C-alpha atoms as a PDB file:
ATOM      1  CA  UNK A   1     -80.696  21.842  -5.176  1.00  0.00           C
ATOM      2  CA  UNK A   2     -83.501  19.607  -4.317  1.00  0.00           C
ATOM      3  CA  UNK A   3     -85.810  22.328  -5.033  1.00  0.00           C
ATOM      4  CA  UNK A   4     -84.667  23.132  -8.546  1.00  0.00           C
ATOM      5  CA  UNK A   5     -87.035  22.281 -11.305  1.00  0.00           C
ATOM      6  CA  UNK A   6     -84.809  23.069 -14.222  1.00  0.00           C
ATOM      7  CA  UNK A   7     -82.003  21.350 -16.052  1.00  0.00           C
ATOM      8  CA  UNK A   8     -78.367  21.915 -15.119  1.00  0.00           C
ATOM      9  CA  UNK A   9     -75.579  22.724 -17.700  1.00  0.00           C
ATOM     10  CA  UNK A  10     -71.825  23.477 -17.055  1.00  0.00           C
ATOM     11  CA  UNK A  11     -68.502  23.379 -18.869  1.00  0.00           C
ATOM     12  CA  UNK A  12     -65.452  21.180 -18.503  1.00  0.00           C
ATOM     13  CA  UNK A  13     -63.377  23.841 -16.740  1.00  0.00           C
ATOM     14  CA  UNK A  14     -65.941  23.995 -14.094  1.00  0.00           C
ATOM     15  CA  UNK A  15     -66.218  20.232 -13.792  1.00  0.00           C
ATOM     16  CA  UNK A  16     -62.461  20.072 -13.350  1.00  0.00           C
ATOM     17  CA  UNK A  17     -62.549  22.799 -10.677  1.00  0.00           C
ATOM     18  CA  UNK A  18     -65.494  21.102  -8.860  1.00  0.00           C
ATOM     19  CA  UNK A  19     -63.694  17.817  -8.818  1.00  0.00           C
ATOM     20  CA  UNK A  20     -60.615  19.447  -7.313  1.00  0.00           C
ATOM     21  CA  UNK A  21     -62.507  21.338  -4.617  1.00  0.00           C
ATOM     22  CA  UNK A  22     -64.576  18.286  -3.725  1.00  0.00           C
ATOM     23  CA  UNK A  23     -61.459  16.221  -3.303  1.00  0.00           C
ATOM     24  CA  UNK A  24     -59.632  18.951  -1.354  1.00  0.00           C
ATOM     25  CA  UNK A  25     -62.564  19.706   1.118  1.00  0.00           C
ATOM     26  CA  UNK A  26     -64.465  16.438   1.129  1.00  0.00           C
ATOM     27  CA  UNK A  27     -63.168  13.224  -0.335  1.00  0.00           C
ATOM     28  CA  UNK A  28     -62.975  10.952  -3.423  1.00  0.00           C
ATOM     29  CA  UNK A  29     -66.335   9.538  -2.764  1.00  0.00           C
ATOM     30  CA  UNK A  30     -67.876  13.080  -3.276  1.00  0.00           C
ATOM     31  CA  UNK A  31     -65.953  13.321  -6.498  1.00  0.00           C
ATOM     32  CA  UNK A  32     -67.213  10.005  -7.819  1.00  0.00           C
ATOM     33  CA  UNK A  33     -70.817  11.000  -6.964  1.00  0.00           C
ATOM     34  CA  UNK A  34     -70.432  14.215  -8.975  1.00  0.00           C
ATOM     35  CA  UNK A  35     -68.754  12.304 -11.953  1.00  0.00           C
ATOM     36  CA  UNK A  36     -71.602   9.759 -11.661  1.00  0.00           C
ATOM     37  CA  UNK A  37     -74.152  12.580 -11.994  1.00  0.00           C
ATOM     38  CA  UNK A  38     -72.348  13.508 -15.269  1.00  0.00           C
ATOM     39  CA  UNK A  39     -72.392  10.055 -16.527  1.00  0.00           C
ATOM     40  CA  UNK A  40     -76.163   9.777 -15.880  1.00  0.00           C
ATOM     41  CA  UNK A  41     -76.834  13.049 -17.762  1.00  0.00           C
ATOM     42  CA  UNK A  42     -78.039  14.767 -14.572  1.00  0.00           C
ATOM     43  CA  UNK A  43     -75.804  17.668 -15.804  1.00  0.00           C
ATOM     44  CA  UNK A  44     -75.454  18.628 -19.392  1.00  0.00           C
ATOM     45  CA  UNK A  45     -71.994  19.895 -20.590  1.00  0.00           C
ATOM     46  CA  UNK A  46     -71.702  22.838 -22.913  1.00  0.00           C
ATOM     47  CA  UNK A  47     -69.359  22.385 -25.724  1.00  0.00           C
ATOM     48  CA  UNK A  48     -66.791  25.089 -25.477  1.00  0.00           C
ATOM     49  CA  UNK A  49     -65.103  25.533 -28.984  1.00  0.00           C
ATOM     50  CA  UNK A  50     -62.024  27.395 -30.227  1.00  0.00           C
ATOM     51  CA  UNK A  51     -64.375  30.110 -31.520  1.00  0.00           C
ATOM     52  CA  UNK A  52     -65.167  30.831 -27.726  1.00  0.00           C
ATOM     53  CA  UNK A  53     -61.644  31.487 -26.929  1.00  0.00           C
ATOM     54  CA  UNK A  54     -61.360  35.373 -27.902  1.00  0.00           C
ATOM     55  CA  UNK A  55     -64.474  35.977 -25.784  1.00  0.00           C
ATOM     56  CA  UNK A  56     -63.038  34.012 -22.814  1.00  0.00           C
ATOM     57  CA  UNK A  57     -59.876  36.108 -23.121  1.00  0.00           C
ATOM     58  CA  UNK A  58     -61.799  39.413 -23.115  1.00  0.00           C
ATOM     59  CA  UNK A  59     -63.547  38.343 -19.912  1.00  0.00           C
ATOM     60  CA  UNK A  60     -60.440  37.201 -18.110  1.00  0.00           C
ATOM     61  CA  UNK A  61     -58.837  40.532 -19.173  1.00  0.00           C
ATOM     62  CA  UNK A  62     -61.810  42.526 -18.080  1.00  0.00           C
ATOM     63  CA  UNK A  63     -61.947  40.967 -14.620  1.00  0.00           C
ATOM     64  CA  UNK A  64     -58.221  40.533 -14.270  1.00  0.00           C
ATOM     65  CA  UNK A  65     -58.373  42.447 -10.897  1.00  0.00           C
ATOM     66  CA  UNK A  66     -60.481  39.688  -9.233  1.00  0.00           C
ATOM     67  CA  UNK A  67     -58.824  37.676 -11.105  1.00  0.00           C
ATOM     68  CA  UNK A  68     -61.300  35.666 -13.283  1.00  0.00           C
ATOM     69  CA  UNK A  69     -60.283  32.139 -14.010  1.00  0.00           C
ATOM     70  CA  UNK A  70     -61.023  29.994 -17.047  1.00  0.00           C
ATOM     71  CA  UNK A  71     -63.790  28.161 -15.089  1.00  0.00           C
ATOM     72  CA  UNK A  72     -65.628  31.506 -14.243  1.00  0.00           C
ATOM     73  CA  UNK A  73     -65.027  32.970 -17.845  1.00  0.00           C
ATOM     74  CA  UNK A  74     -66.654  29.872 -19.274  1.00  0.00           C
ATOM     75  CA  UNK A  75     -69.597  30.253 -17.195  1.00  0.00           C
ATOM     76  CA  UNK A  76     -70.027  33.948 -18.182  1.00  0.00           C
ATOM     77  CA  UNK A  77     -69.725  32.753 -21.938  1.00  0.00           C
ATOM     78  CA  UNK A  78     -72.431  30.076 -21.209  1.00  0.00           C
ATOM     79  CA  UNK A  79     -74.724  32.655 -19.775  1.00  0.00           C
ATOM     80  CA  UNK A  80     -74.199  34.664 -22.913  1.00  0.00           C
ATOM     81  CA  UNK A  81     -74.857  31.671 -25.146  1.00  0.00           C
ATOM     82  CA  UNK A  82     -77.984  30.602 -23.154  1.00  0.00           C
ATOM     83  CA  UNK A  83     -79.451  34.240 -22.804  1.00  0.00           C
ATOM     84  CA  UNK A  84     -79.694  34.026 -19.014  1.00  0.00           C
ATOM     85  CA  UNK A  85     -77.579  34.269 -16.009  1.00  0.00           C
ATOM     86  CA  UNK A  86     -79.252  31.812 -13.547  1.00  0.00           C
ATOM     87  CA  UNK A  87     -76.406  30.105 -11.859  1.00  0.00           C
ATOM     88  CA  UNK A  88     -75.508  27.740  -8.917  1.00  0.00           C
ATOM     89  CA  UNK A  89     -72.406  29.120  -7.370  1.00  0.00           C
ATOM     90  CA  UNK A  90     -70.735  29.153  -3.923  1.00  0.00           C
ATOM     91  CA  UNK A  91     -68.653  32.184  -5.245  1.00  0.00           C
ATOM     92  CA  UNK A  92     -70.794  34.956  -3.922  1.00  0.00           C
ATOM     93  CA  UNK A  93     -68.106  37.682  -4.510  1.00  0.00           C
ATOM     94  CA  UNK A  94     -67.136  37.073  -8.102  1.00  0.00           C
ATOM     95  CA  UNK A  95     -70.498  36.241  -9.411  1.00  0.00           C
ATOM     96  CA  UNK A  96     -71.930  39.245  -7.661  1.00  0.00           C
ATOM     97  CA  UNK A  97     -69.496  41.294  -9.755  1.00  0.00           C
ATOM     98  CA  UNK A  98     -69.466  39.545 -13.095  1.00  0.00           C
ATOM     99  CA  UNK A  99     -71.845  40.657 -15.907  1.00  0.00           C
ATOM    100  CA  UNK A 100     -72.778  38.565 -18.780  1.00  0.00           C
ATOM    101  CA  UNK A 101     -73.296  40.467 -22.064  1.00  0.00           C
ATOM    102  CA  UNK A 102     -71.312  43.223 -20.205  1.00  0.00           C
ATOM    103  CA  UNK A 103     -74.306  44.337 -18.116  1.00  0.00           C
ATOM    104  CA  UNK A 104     -76.560  41.658 -16.969  1.00  0.00           C
ATOM    105  CA  UNK A 105     -76.107  40.449 -13.389  1.00  0.00           C
ATOM    106  CA  UNK A 106     -76.262  36.853 -12.384  1.00  0.00           C
ATOM    107  CA  UNK A 107     -79.100  35.307 -10.314  1.00  0.00           C
ATOM    108  CA  UNK A 108     -77.514  32.792  -7.980  1.00  0.00           C
ATOM    109  CA  UNK A 109     -80.007  30.161  -7.223  1.00  0.00           C
ATOM    110  CA  UNK A 110     -77.999  28.941  -4.157  1.00  0.00           C
ATOM    111  CA  UNK A 111     -78.873  32.142  -2.363  1.00  0.00           C
ATOM    112  CA  UNK A 112     -82.174  32.343  -0.611  1.00  0.00           C
ATOM    113  CA  UNK A 113     -83.138  35.550  -2.214  1.00  0.00           C
ATOM    114  CA  UNK A 114     -81.575  34.600  -5.644  1.00  0.00           C
ATOM    115  CA  UNK A 115     -79.437  37.723  -5.847  1.00  0.00           C
ATOM    116  CA  UNK A 116     -75.628  37.992  -6.083  1.00  0.00           C
END
């Protein structure tokens, strides 16, 4: 992440999931550092709206075999809204499978080669 030269944006479902995982695998201090980054506008938050819910439901149904959760669906929707699939995710399996706008693969910036 220290090599990134672009802004970060996420959704509230991802923030919730991230805080849960940080607490489960690390500690409350890591959760607080993450929330502090949000407070300092280090990470922008996309405004999910009711109008996005039909697309989120379509995505969750399409990828039900994985399954796709709300946080993942919100990121696919975000990629569609932004017009690119550049993502930071530790979820290699699912984001290697998901497609935004039904056919564009994600580019995972956490991976050395940027693929998957």
